């Protein structure tokens, strides 16, 4: 851990909080952080102190960052995490880069000498990197430091290429020596022109991609030696070992592509990254193809990068989808379900602490962090209490409600859908919790523009509520109001009036004409009548 950060109490620039260190490399350490102004998680990279040798150099880094950030921000592709900010600390000795936080696994975790990746996995990684590079090279932006440590595989198998422009910020794209004689750069993936200190081009990134693909397929680095200098010498002078000599099952065409990428002369490599992608396509799983058999799958515990090719444009996975009935969940009416197991004291204390911490964060409208705090106890609680225990479902419902309050409707929607199913199994489909979750899911859909579907769902819930609790229960009144307002949002003013007029009459009887909600509905009806009954223009 960096000593200066052990006692880091104050947020960086008054807004970025450091929560925990998640990686440490040659450039510096990366921390999971929180942006208190925009209420979102971030990654914070601390540039190593050796790079910032004076306040003047730190200022230069910051200026260079802003210049490079303007360029890299033009790479419009989801595989390029965005860089948000550059902050100098008060001593002008450290530079913090604030970036989009990606939940994923480093490509370094995929390199296993005893178990090289399946051909389709390696091709899928390379093809996704090629896609990202095609957007970058069109700007034009050259990465200059492409390596497994700068590539993440997100949980859905999407490849993310990190640190675009960082090499340019630190000027590590050439092998200029520091005062100690240490080369700056990543020698294992350095193209010959970088070793020589020559001009780089998009083909420089292609050479690095060749190094990575060779490593994924063989399980070993392209070149190894006793010193960094000797490795760089090999990049300039030594011929790479053909892949099929190391692994005979590698297709000949794929071996030829890797050797083409690793040509010493830039102009001898593929013409562009689009050509590389086209040559990788035959080794990708076609759309609709089944998941690989267990013996043909890649390493355990890491995301499968072939999934986006098997199921292109597939919907997002349901977050926290409950286990089907008959496995961990119990049937409605099961006597054991009516007698929940006692909650261990440690779990009870962790849940209470999460609620207390979340409530404190909500007072400051820190919705994303409040949801994260609750989320951290859901899985441990589920392991002890069961995935559909009352306490676990309440935790999930609270997290979904926080997402809804914070406007993260895309996160809240699948969770409310899943919770509605879970409560239908454990408490019955007409139970209050199941109804509430279906209604909240419908409100999320409305916010996401799915108004017609949302209206149908809300009306279905209202029918159930009317049969159980009548027409003027608090739940029924809220649903009637929401339905009327959605009709109004669609321009269906007559239908809106037909819903809201009887609602207003009921509210006058139950709450009185001076109640805030009654007055709100009256104002809406006045506008509707003006539109419906006013003179035509």
Protein backbone atom coordinates (compact mmCIF):
# COMPACT_ATOMS: atom_id res chain seq x y z
CA UNK A 1 0.00 0.00 0.00
CA UNK A 2 1.21 3.48 -0.76
CA UNK A 3 2.19 5.06 2.59
CA UNK A 4 0.61 8.42 1.81
CA UNK A 5 -2.76 6.73 1.31
CA UNK A 6 -2.79 4.74 4.55
CA UNK A 7 -3.93 7.84 6.35
CA UNK A 8 -6.01 9.25 3.49
CA UNK A 9 -9.02 10.71 5.28
CA UNK A 10 -10.10 13.68 3.22
CA UNK A 11 -11.64 13.08 -0.19
CA UNK A 12 -9.42 13.95 -3.14
CA UNK A 13 -10.45 17.33 -4.55
CA UNK A 14 -13.24 17.37 -1.99
CA UNK A 15 -15.24 14.69 -3.83
CA UNK A 16 -13.35 11.44 -4.56
CA UNK A 17 -13.15 9.03 -1.63
CA UNK A 18 -10.65 6.14 -1.64
CA UNK A 19 -12.28 2.95 -0.38
CA UNK A 20 -9.89 0.07 -1.06
CA UNK A 21 -6.88 -0.76 -3.20
CA UNK A 22 -7.81 -3.12 -6.04
CA UNK A 23 -4.58 -3.31 -8.06
CA UNK A 24 -0.95 -2.32 -7.91
CA UNK A 25 1.40 -2.14 -10.88
CA UNK A 26 4.41 -0.43 -12.31
CA UNK A 27 2.60 2.84 -12.98
CA UNK A 28 0.99 3.02 -9.56
CA UNK A 29 -1.92 1.75 -7.50
CA UNK A 30 -5.59 1.61 -8.47
CA UNK A 31 -8.28 2.19 -5.87
CA UNK A 32 -11.98 1.63 -5.79
CA UNK A 33 -13.42 5.03 -5.01
CA UNK A 34 -16.61 7.01 -4.76
CA UNK A 35 -17.55 10.31 -6.38
CA UNK A 36 -19.60 12.15 -3.75
CA UNK A 37 -20.70 14.85 -6.20
CA UNK A 38 -22.16 12.59 -8.90
CA UNK A 39 -23.02 9.68 -6.54
CA UNK A 40 -21.23 6.96 -8.46
CA UNK A 41 -18.39 4.49 -7.96
CA UNK A 42 -15.12 5.33 -9.68
CA UNK A 43 -11.62 3.96 -10.07
CA UNK A 44 -8.80 6.20 -8.87
CA UNK A 45 -5.29 5.58 -10.18
CA UNK A 46 -2.38 7.06 -8.29
CA UNK A 47 0.54 7.70 -10.63
CA UNK A 48 3.66 6.32 -8.99
CA UNK A 49 5.79 8.91 -7.24
CA UNK A 50 8.86 8.09 -9.30
CA UNK A 51 7.01 9.56 -12.28
CA UNK A 52 6.20 12.77 -10.42
CA UNK A 53 9.61 14.03 -9.37
CA UNK A 54 8.72 17.70 -8.93
CA UNK A 55 5.70 19.98 -8.67
CA UNK A 56 6.55 21.32 -12.12
CA UNK A 57 6.48 17.82 -13.61
CA UNK A 58 3.21 17.11 -11.84
CA UNK A 59 1.73 20.24 -13.41
CA UNK A 60 3.02 19.11 -16.79
CA UNK A 61 1.42 15.69 -16.30
CA UNK A 62 -1.90 17.30 -15.46
CA UNK A 63 -1.77 19.52 -18.55
CA UNK A 64 -0.78 16.61 -20.73
CA UNK A 65 -3.59 14.54 -19.25
CA UNK A 66 -6.21 17.13 -20.11
CA UNK A 67 -4.88 17.30 -23.66
CA UNK A 68 -4.88 13.53 -24.08
CA UNK A 69 -8.25 13.13 -22.37
CA UNK A 70 -9.88 15.39 -24.95
CA UNK A 71 -8.57 13.11 -27.68
CA UNK A 72 -9.36 9.78 -26.03
CA UNK A 73 -12.86 10.98 -25.10
CA UNK A 74 -13.59 10.87 -28.83
CA UNK A 75 -13.29 7.06 -28.81
CA UNK A 76 -16.98 6.25 -28.66
CA UNK A 77 -17.07 2.57 -27.80
CA UNK A 78 -18.32 0.70 -24.70
CA UNK A 79 -15.02 -1.20 -24.62
CA UNK A 80 -13.19 2.02 -23.66
CA UNK A 81 -13.76 3.03 -20.02
CA UNK A 82 -13.90 6.78 -19.71
CA UNK A 83 -11.36 8.91 -17.84
CA UNK A 84 -13.15 11.58 -15.82
CA UNK A 85 -10.64 13.77 -14.08
CA UNK A 86 -6.99 14.44 -13.17
CA UNK A 87 -6.25 15.78 -9.71
CA UNK A 88 -3.01 17.00 -8.17
CA UNK A 89 -2.80 16.62 -4.40
CA UNK A 90 -2.11 19.61 -2.20
CA UNK A 91 1.63 18.90 -2.13
CA UNK A 92 1.76 18.90 -5.96
CA UNK A 93 3.67 15.61 -5.73
CA UNK A 94 1.02 13.07 -6.72
CA UNK A 95 -1.32 12.84 -9.67
CA UNK A 96 -4.63 11.00 -9.34
CA UNK A 97 -6.51 9.86 -12.44
CA UNK A 98 -10.24 9.31 -11.87
CA UNK A 99 -11.80 6.79 -14.22
CA UNK A 100 -14.86 4.68 -14.87
CA UNK A 101 -14.91 1.68 -12.54
CA UNK A 102 -15.21 -1.64 -14.39
CA UNK A 103 -16.31 -4.78 -12.57
CA UNK A 104 -14.25 -7.43 -14.29
CA UNK A 105 -11.26 -9.77 -14.33
CA UNK A 106 -7.84 -8.87 -15.68
CA UNK A 107 -6.72 -10.79 -18.75
CA UNK A 108 -3.66 -11.70 -16.70
CA UNK A 109 -5.89 -14.17 -14.84
CA UNK A 110 -6.53 -16.05 -18.09
CA UNK A 111 -2.87 -16.88 -18.75
CA UNK A 112 -2.21 -20.32 -17.30
CA UNK A 113 0.88 -22.17 -18.58
CA UNK A 114 -0.65 -25.56 -17.79
CA UNK A 115 -3.99 -24.74 -19.42
CA UNK A 116 -3.86 -22.55 -22.55
CA UNK A 117 -7.18 -21.00 -23.48
CA UNK A 118 -9.57 -22.71 -25.89
CA UNK A 119 -9.06 -21.32 -29.40
CA UNK A 120 -12.52 -19.72 -29.39
CA UNK A 121 -11.81 -17.91 -26.11
CA UNK A 122 -8.50 -16.51 -27.31
CA UNK A 123 -10.05 -15.47 -30.64
CA UNK A 124 -12.99 -13.83 -28.84
CA UNK A 125 -10.68 -11.73 -26.68
CA UNK A 126 -8.54 -10.70 -29.66
CA UNK A 127 -11.60 -9.92 -31.81
CA UNK A 128 -13.08 -7.67 -29.12
CA UNK A 129 -9.76 -5.88 -28.63
CA UNK A 130 -9.55 -5.44 -32.41
CA UNK A 131 -13.02 -3.89 -32.42
CA UNK A 132 -11.99 -1.37 -29.75
CA UNK A 133 -8.77 -0.56 -31.61
CA UNK A 134 -10.69 0.05 -34.83
CA UNK A 135 -12.62 2.85 -33.15
CA UNK A 136 -9.47 4.25 -31.55
CA UNK A 137 -7.38 4.18 -34.72
CA UNK A 138 -10.13 6.03 -36.57
CA UNK A 139 -9.74 9.06 -34.24
CA UNK A 140 -6.69 8.50 -34.57
CA UNK A 141 -5.44 7.30 -31.18
CA UNK A 142 -2.72 4.68 -30.73
CA UNK A 143 -2.72 2.82 -27.42
CA UNK A 144 1.07 2.20 -27.29
CA UNK A 145 0.92 0.08 -24.12
CA UNK A 146 -1.45 -2.77 -24.94
CA UNK A 147 -0.90 -5.71 -22.57
CA UNK A 148 -2.95 -8.20 -20.52
CA UNK A 149 -2.83 -5.90 -17.50
CA UNK A 150 -4.62 -3.21 -19.53
CA UNK A 151 -7.41 -5.54 -20.64
CA UNK A 152 -10.36 -6.46 -18.43
CA UNK A 153 -13.10 -8.97 -19.11
CA UNK A 154 -16.36 -7.71 -17.61
CA UNK A 155 -18.75 -10.10 -15.91
CA UNK A 156 -20.82 -10.44 -19.09
CA UNK A 157 -17.73 -11.35 -21.14
CA UNK A 158 -17.27 -7.90 -22.70
CA UNK A 159 -13.65 -6.85 -23.18
CA UNK A 160 -12.60 -3.46 -21.81
CA UNK A 161 -9.33 -1.87 -22.92
CA UNK A 162 -7.91 0.41 -20.23
CA UNK A 163 -5.47 3.29 -20.16
CA UNK A 164 -5.93 4.73 -23.63
CA UNK A 165 -3.81 7.82 -23.71
CA UNK A 166 -2.04 7.03 -20.44
CA UNK A 167 1.12 5.98 -22.27
CA UNK A 168 1.04 9.31 -24.08
CA UNK A 169 0.49 11.13 -20.80
CA UNK A 170 3.55 9.48 -19.27
CA UNK A 171 5.39 9.25 -22.60
CA UNK A 172 6.22 5.60 -22.07
CA UNK A 173 5.79 4.73 -25.72
CA UNK A 174 9.56 4.95 -26.27
CA UNK A 175 12.35 3.29 -24.34
CA UNK A 176 14.04 6.42 -23.08
CA UNK A 177 15.96 5.60 -19.93
CA UNK A 178 15.44 7.25 -16.60
CA UNK A 179 18.34 8.49 -14.49
CA UNK A 180 18.64 4.97 -13.06
CA UNK A 181 18.79 3.37 -16.48
CA UNK A 182 15.37 1.70 -16.14
CA UNK A 183 13.36 1.57 -19.37
CA UNK A 184 9.85 3.00 -19.29
CA UNK A 185 7.28 0.75 -20.92
CA UNK A 186 6.18 -2.88 -20.97
CA UNK A 187 9.02 -4.74 -22.63
CA UNK A 188 7.18 -8.07 -23.09
CA UNK A 189 4.73 -6.48 -25.58
CA UNK A 190 6.90 -3.75 -27.09
CA UNK A 191 7.09 -3.51 -30.89
CA UNK A 192 10.54 -3.25 -32.51
CA UNK A 193 9.92 0.38 -33.47
CA UNK A 194 9.21 1.22 -29.81
CA UNK A 195 12.42 -0.49 -28.71
CA UNK A 196 14.35 1.61 -31.23
CA UNK A 197 12.57 4.78 -30.15
CA UNK A 198 11.07 5.25 -33.60
CA UNK A 199 7.73 6.54 -34.76
CA UNK A 200 4.72 4.47 -33.73
CA UNK A 201 1.61 3.75 -35.79
CA UNK A 202 -1.58 1.67 -35.52
CA UNK A 203 0.57 -1.30 -36.52
CA UNK A 204 2.39 -0.85 -33.19
CA UNK A 205 -0.80 -1.86 -31.43
CA UNK A 206 -1.16 -4.80 -33.83
CA UNK A 207 2.25 -6.13 -32.78
CA UNK A 208 1.21 -5.99 -29.12
CA UNK A 209 -2.04 -7.76 -29.99
CA UNK A 210 0.04 -10.48 -31.67
CA UNK A 211 2.08 -10.87 -28.47
CA UNK A 212 -1.10 -11.17 -26.42
CA UNK A 213 -2.75 -13.67 -28.77
CA UNK A 214 0.43 -15.79 -28.88
CA UNK A 215 0.48 -15.81 -25.07
CA UNK A 216 -3.21 -16.73 -24.72
CA UNK A 217 -2.85 -19.66 -27.11
CA UNK A 218 0.50 -20.97 -25.89
CA UNK A 219 0.29 -20.15 -22.20
CA UNK A 220 3.70 -18.47 -22.23
CA UNK A 221 5.26 -15.12 -23.08
CA UNK A 222 6.47 -14.56 -26.63
CA UNK A 223 10.04 -13.92 -25.50
CA UNK A 224 11.77 -14.52 -22.17
CA UNK A 225 15.31 -13.75 -21.03
CA UNK A 226 17.35 -12.94 -17.94
CA UNK A 227 17.02 -9.19 -18.45
CA UNK A 228 14.58 -6.69 -19.89
CA UNK A 229 17.28 -5.56 -22.31
CA UNK A 230 17.60 -9.08 -23.74
CA UNK A 231 13.82 -9.37 -24.16
CA UNK A 232 13.76 -6.08 -26.08
CA UNK A 233 16.71 -7.31 -28.17
CA UNK A 234 14.67 -10.40 -29.09
CA UNK A 235 11.70 -8.26 -30.15
CA UNK A 236 14.00 -6.55 -32.63
CA UNK A 237 16.03 -9.53 -33.83
CA UNK A 238 14.62 -12.94 -32.83
CA UNK A 239 12.02 -14.91 -34.78
CA UNK A 240 8.95 -15.90 -32.76
CA UNK A 241 8.29 -19.60 -32.24
CA UNK A 242 5.36 -20.68 -34.45
CA UNK A 243 2.36 -21.54 -32.31
CA UNK A 244 1.84 -25.02 -33.72
CA UNK A 245 5.27 -26.03 -32.46
CA UNK A 246 4.06 -25.18 -28.96
CA UNK A 247 0.47 -26.33 -29.37
CA UNK A 248 -0.34 -28.54 -32.38
CA UNK A 249 -4.14 -28.07 -32.16
CA UNK A 250 -3.89 -24.37 -33.07
CA UNK A 251 -5.37 -23.95 -36.58
CA UNK A 252 -2.84 -23.15 -39.27
CA UNK A 253 -4.67 -19.97 -40.32
CA UNK A 254 -4.57 -18.66 -36.76
CA UNK A 255 -0.85 -19.39 -36.48
CA UNK A 256 -0.30 -17.50 -39.74
CA UNK A 257 -2.27 -14.50 -38.43
CA UNK A 258 -0.16 -14.34 -35.25
CA UNK A 259 3.08 -14.53 -37.22
CA UNK A 260 1.78 -11.78 -39.54
CA UNK A 261 1.02 -9.57 -36.54
CA UNK A 262 4.54 -10.17 -35.21
CA UNK A 263 6.41 -9.07 -38.31
CA UNK A 264 9.38 -6.88 -37.38
CA UNK A 265 8.61 -4.17 -39.97
CA UNK A 266 5.45 -2.15 -39.43
CA UNK A 267 4.50 -2.15 -43.10
CA UNK A 268 4.77 -5.98 -43.23
CA UNK A 269 1.99 -6.42 -40.63
CA UNK A 270 -1.72 -6.52 -41.53
CA UNK A 271 -2.95 -3.38 -43.27
CA UNK A 272 -5.31 -2.47 -40.44
CA UNK A 273 -7.15 -3.88 -37.47
CA UNK A 274 -10.24 -4.55 -39.56
CA UNK A 275 -8.27 -7.16 -41.50
CA UNK A 276 -7.25 -8.77 -38.21
CA UNK A 277 -10.88 -9.00 -37.11
CA UNK A 278 -11.98 -10.57 -40.40
CA UNK A 279 -9.30 -13.23 -40.06
CA UNK A 280 -10.45 -14.00 -36.51
CA UNK A 281 -14.11 -14.46 -37.45
CA UNK A 282 -13.77 -18.14 -38.53
CA UNK A 283 -12.60 -19.02 -35.01
CA UNK A 284 -15.50 -17.31 -33.20
CA UNK A 285 -18.62 -19.23 -32.15
CA UNK A 286 -21.54 -18.38 -34.46
CA UNK A 287 -24.67 -16.66 -33.12
CA UNK A 288 -27.06 -19.10 -31.51
CA UNK A 289 -24.43 -21.77 -30.92
CA UNK A 290 -24.75 -23.67 -27.62
CA UNK A 291 -22.50 -23.10 -24.66
CA UNK A 292 -19.35 -25.25 -24.73
CA UNK A 293 -19.35 -28.64 -23.05
CA UNK A 294 -17.70 -28.67 -19.60
CA UNK A 295 -14.53 -30.27 -20.93
CA UNK A 296 -14.21 -27.65 -23.67
CA UNK A 297 -14.79 -24.59 -21.53
CA UNK A 298 -12.08 -22.19 -20.43
CA UNK A 299 -10.70 -21.68 -16.94
CA UNK A 300 -13.12 -21.70 -14.05
CA UNK A 301 -14.01 -18.56 -12.14
CA UNK A 302 -13.52 -16.06 -14.98
CA UNK A 303 -16.04 -14.63 -17.47
CA UNK A 304 -16.50 -16.33 -20.84
CA UNK A 305 -15.52 -13.85 -23.62
CA UNK A 306 -17.34 -15.90 -26.28
CA UNK A 307 -20.79 -15.21 -24.84
CA UNK A 308 -21.36 -11.98 -26.73
CA UNK A 309 -20.77 -13.83 -30.01
CA UNK A 310 -23.03 -16.74 -29.09
CA UNK A 311 -25.82 -14.43 -27.96
CA UNK A 312 -25.29 -11.04 -29.60
CA UNK A 313 -27.53 -8.25 -28.32
CA UNK A 314 -28.83 -10.57 -25.59
CA UNK A 315 -30.65 -8.82 -22.74
CA UNK A 316 -28.84 -8.07 -19.56
CA UNK A 317 -28.72 -10.97 -17.07
CA UNK A 318 -31.28 -10.81 -14.33
CA UNK A 319 -29.46 -9.49 -11.28
CA UNK A 320 -29.92 -11.66 -8.24
CA UNK A 321 -32.31 -14.05 -9.98
CA UNK A 322 -33.68 -16.38 -7.31
CA UNK A 323 -33.03 -20.11 -7.41
CA UNK A 324 -35.94 -22.01 -9.04
CA UNK A 325 -38.55 -23.59 -6.81
CA UNK A 326 -37.56 -27.09 -5.77
CA UNK A 327 -33.89 -26.24 -5.27
CA UNK A 328 -33.17 -23.74 -2.48
CA UNK A 329 -36.61 -22.10 -2.47
CA UNK A 330 -39.57 -23.78 -0.79
CA UNK A 331 -43.13 -24.07 -2.07
CA UNK A 332 -45.84 -21.77 -0.79
CA UNK A 333 -47.60 -23.48 2.06
CA UNK A 334 -44.63 -25.65 3.05
CA UNK A 335 -44.76 -25.81 6.87
CA UNK A 336 -40.99 -25.31 7.04
CA UNK A 337 -41.36 -22.02 5.16
CA UNK A 338 -43.65 -20.69 7.87
CA UNK A 339 -41.02 -21.29 10.51
CA UNK A 340 -37.95 -19.29 9.52
CA UNK A 341 -34.66 -20.33 11.04
CA UNK A 342 -33.27 -17.98 13.69
CA UNK A 343 -30.86 -15.39 12.38
CA UNK A 344 -27.31 -15.76 13.78
CA UNK A 345 -26.22 -12.78 15.83
CA UNK A 346 -23.31 -11.94 13.51
CA UNK A 347 -25.57 -11.89 10.45
CA UNK A 348 -28.19 -9.82 12.29
CA UNK A 349 -25.51 -7.32 13.31
CA UNK A 350 -24.13 -7.10 9.75
CA UNK A 351 -27.61 -6.47 8.32
CA UNK A 352 -28.36 -3.78 10.92
CA UNK A 353 -25.00 -2.10 10.26
CA UNK A 354 -25.71 -2.12 6.52
CA UNK A 355 -29.12 -0.52 7.01
CA UNK A 356 -27.73 2.12 9.37
CA UNK A 357 -24.86 2.97 7.01
CA UNK A 358 -27.21 3.05 4.02
CA UNK A 359 -29.66 5.35 5.82
CA UNK A 360 -26.85 7.75 6.65
CA UNK A 361 -25.74 7.81 3.03
CA UNK A 362 -29.30 8.38 1.82
CA UNK A 363 -29.54 11.48 3.99
CA UNK A 364 -26.76 12.91 1.81
CA UNK A 365 -28.47 11.56 -1.36
CA UNK A 366 -25.56 9.20 -1.99
CA UNK A 367 -27.79 6.63 -3.65
CA UNK A 368 -25.22 4.56 -5.54
CA UNK A 369 -23.06 4.08 -2.46
CA UNK A 370 -26.09 3.33 -0.27
CA UNK A 371 -27.16 0.57 -2.69
CA UNK A 372 -23.63 -0.83 -2.72
CA UNK A 373 -23.51 -0.98 1.08
CA UNK A 374 -26.71 -3.03 1.19
CA UNK A 375 -25.52 -5.20 -1.68
CA UNK A 376 -22.37 -6.19 0.20
CA UNK A 377 -24.36 -8.12 2.83
CA UNK A 378 -26.89 -9.80 0.51
CA UNK A 379 -24.74 -12.72 -0.65
CA UNK A 380 -23.26 -13.53 2.81
CA UNK A 381 -26.75 -13.38 4.32
CA UNK A 382 -28.18 -15.60 1.57
CA UNK A 383 -25.52 -18.25 2.20
CA UNK A 384 -26.55 -18.47 5.86
CA UNK A 385 -30.30 -17.79 5.71
CA UNK A 386 -31.28 -18.96 2.22
CA UNK A 387 -31.76 -17.00 -0.99
CA UNK A 388 -35.49 -16.46 -0.38
CA UNK A 389 -35.49 -15.90 3.36
CA UNK A 390 -37.45 -12.92 4.58
CA UNK A 391 -34.34 -10.99 5.58
CA UNK A 392 -32.55 -11.53 2.26
CA UNK A 393 -35.61 -10.54 0.21
CA UNK A 394 -36.01 -7.41 2.34
CA UNK A 395 -32.37 -6.51 1.74
CA UNK A 396 -32.83 -6.91 -2.00
CA UNK A 397 -36.06 -4.91 -1.94
CA UNK A 398 -34.35 -2.10 -0.05
CA UNK A 399 -31.47 -2.04 -2.53
CA UNK A 400 -33.89 -1.95 -5.46
CA UNK A 401 -35.80 0.91 -3.79
CA UNK A 402 -32.54 2.85 -3.39
CA UNK A 403 -31.76 2.31 -7.08
CA UNK A 404 -35.24 3.58 -7.91
CA UNK A 405 -34.81 6.65 -5.70
CA UNK A 406 -31.46 7.38 -7.30
CA UNK A 407 -32.85 7.08 -10.82
CA UNK A 408 -30.98 3.88 -11.71
CA UNK A 409 -34.05 2.31 -13.31
CA UNK A 410 -32.08 -0.16 -15.40
CA UNK A 411 -30.62 -1.74 -12.27
CA UNK A 412 -33.88 -1.61 -10.32
CA UNK A 413 -36.14 -3.11 -13.01
CA UNK A 414 -34.75 -6.68 -13.22
CA UNK A 415 -34.43 -6.83 -9.45
CA UNK A 416 -38.07 -5.84 -8.90
CA UNK A 417 -39.13 -8.41 -11.53
CA UNK A 418 -37.09 -11.11 -9.76
CA UNK A 419 -38.43 -10.09 -6.35
CA UNK A 420 -42.02 -10.18 -7.61
CA UNK A 421 -41.49 -13.80 -8.68
CA UNK A 422 -39.79 -14.66 -5.38
CA UNK A 423 -42.57 -13.14 -3.27
CA UNK A 424 -45.19 -14.85 -5.44
CA UNK A 425 -43.58 -18.19 -4.55
CA UNK A 426 -43.07 -17.52 -0.86
CA UNK A 427 -46.19 -15.46 -0.04
CA UNK A 428 -48.55 -16.05 -2.94
CA UNK A 429 -49.03 -14.11 -6.20
CA UNK A 430 -51.60 -11.72 -4.71
CA UNK A 431 -49.58 -10.93 -1.58
CA UNK A 432 -48.71 -7.35 -0.77
CA UNK A 433 -44.95 -7.65 -1.42
CA UNK A 434 -45.45 -9.35 -4.79
CA UNK A 435 -47.94 -6.63 -5.81
CA UNK A 436 -45.60 -3.86 -4.65
CA UNK A 437 -42.66 -5.26 -6.62
CA UNK A 438 -44.74 -5.64 -9.80
CA UNK A 439 -45.90 -2.05 -9.43
CA UNK A 440 -42.36 -0.77 -8.86
CA UNK A 441 -41.13 -2.72 -11.89
CA UNK A 442 -43.88 -1.07 -13.93
CA UNK A 443 -42.81 2.38 -12.71
CA UNK A 444 -39.25 1.60 -13.78
CA UNK A 445 -40.51 0.60 -17.22
CA UNK A 446 -42.42 3.86 -17.48
CA UNK A 447 -39.29 5.83 -16.65
CA UNK A 448 -37.42 3.86 -19.34
CA UNK A 449 -40.02 4.76 -21.97
CA UNK A 450 -41.96 1.49 -21.93
CA UNK A 451 -45.20 3.29 -21.08
CA UNK A 452 -47.67 0.93 -22.76
CA UNK A 453 -46.23 -2.12 -21.00
CA UNK A 454 -46.09 -0.18 -17.72
CA UNK A 455 -49.75 0.82 -18.01
CA UNK A 456 -50.85 -2.75 -18.59
CA UNK A 457 -48.86 -3.96 -15.59
CA UNK A 458 -50.17 -1.25 -13.28
CA UNK A 459 -53.77 -1.95 -14.29
CA UNK A 460 -53.27 -5.67 -13.61
CA UNK A 461 -51.93 -4.87 -10.14
CA UNK A 462 -54.81 -2.47 -9.53
CA UNK A 463 -57.34 -5.20 -10.36
CA UNK A 464 -55.77 -7.41 -7.69
CA UNK A 465 -55.65 -4.60 -5.13
CA UNK A 466 -59.31 -3.73 -5.74
CA UNK A 467 -60.34 -7.35 -5.18
CA UNK A 468 -58.33 -7.57 -1.95
CA UNK A 469 -58.42 -4.10 -0.34
CA UNK A 470 -61.03 -2.10 -2.25
CA UNK A 471 -60.80 1.05 -4.37
CA UNK A 472 -59.66 3.63 -1.82
CA UNK A 473 -56.84 1.87 0.00
CA UNK A 474 -53.55 3.74 0.01
CA UNK A 475 -52.12 1.27 -2.52
CA UNK A 476 -55.13 1.55 -4.83
CA UNK A 477 -55.10 5.36 -4.72
CA UNK A 478 -51.42 5.47 -5.65
CA UNK A 479 -51.94 3.05 -8.53
CA UNK A 480 -54.96 4.99 -9.85
CA UNK A 481 -52.97 8.21 -9.75
CA UNK A 482 -50.00 6.66 -11.56
CA UNK A 483 -52.22 5.17 -14.25
CA UNK A 484 -53.96 8.48 -14.85
CA UNK A 485 -50.68 10.36 -15.08
CA UNK A 486 -49.26 7.80 -17.53
CA UNK A 487 -52.33 8.17 -19.74
CA UNK A 488 -51.74 11.90 -19.62
CA UNK A 489 -48.08 11.46 -20.53
CA UNK A 490 -49.17 9.51 -23.61
CA UNK A 491 -51.54 12.27 -24.64
CA UNK A 492 -54.57 10.10 -23.89
CA UNK A 493 -56.34 12.88 -22.02
CA UNK A 494 -59.85 11.42 -22.18
CA UNK A 495 -58.70 8.16 -20.58
CA UNK A 496 -56.69 10.15 -18.04
CA UNK A 497 -59.81 12.12 -17.08
CA UNK A 498 -61.87 8.93 -16.81
CA UNK A 499 -59.38 7.61 -14.25
CA UNK A 500 -58.65 10.81 -12.32
CA UNK A 501 -62.20 12.23 -11.96
CA UNK A 502 -63.53 9.33 -9.88
CA UNK A 503 -60.22 9.27 -8.00
CA UNK A 504 -60.69 12.95 -7.12
CA UNK A 505 -64.23 12.31 -5.91
CA UNK A 506 -63.04 9.45 -3.69
CA UNK A 507 -60.20 11.57 -2.29
CA UNK A 508 -62.60 14.40 -1.41
CA UNK A 509 -64.65 11.95 0.64
CA UNK A 510 -61.75 10.10 2.28
CA UNK A 511 -59.06 12.80 2.70
CA UNK A 512 -61.00 16.00 2.15
CA UNK A 513 -60.72 18.64 -0.61
CA UNK A 514 -57.84 20.44 1.12
CA UNK A 515 -55.54 17.42 1.25
CA UNK A 516 -52.32 17.81 -0.74
CA UNK A 517 -52.99 14.80 -2.98
CA UNK A 518 -56.60 15.82 -3.57
CA UNK A 519 -55.48 19.30 -4.57
CA UNK A 520 -52.82 17.88 -6.90
CA UNK A 521 -55.39 15.73 -8.74
CA UNK A 522 -57.76 18.71 -8.94
CA UNK A 523 -55.07 20.81 -10.62
CA UNK A 524 -54.34 18.08 -13.14
CA UNK A 525 -58.04 17.71 -13.93
CA UNK A 526 -58.35 21.47 -14.44
CA UNK A 527 -55.61 21.34 -17.07
CA UNK A 528 -57.22 18.32 -18.75
CA UNK A 529 -60.63 20.01 -18.91
CA UNK A 530 -59.05 23.16 -20.32
CA UNK A 531 -57.47 21.08 -23.08
CA UNK A 532 -60.61 19.03 -23.78
CA UNK A 533 -63.22 21.76 -23.46
CA UNK A 534 -61.30 24.84 -24.55
CA UNK A 535 -61.77 26.51 -27.95
CA UNK A 536 -60.00 24.95 -30.90
CA UNK A 537 -57.07 26.99 -32.14
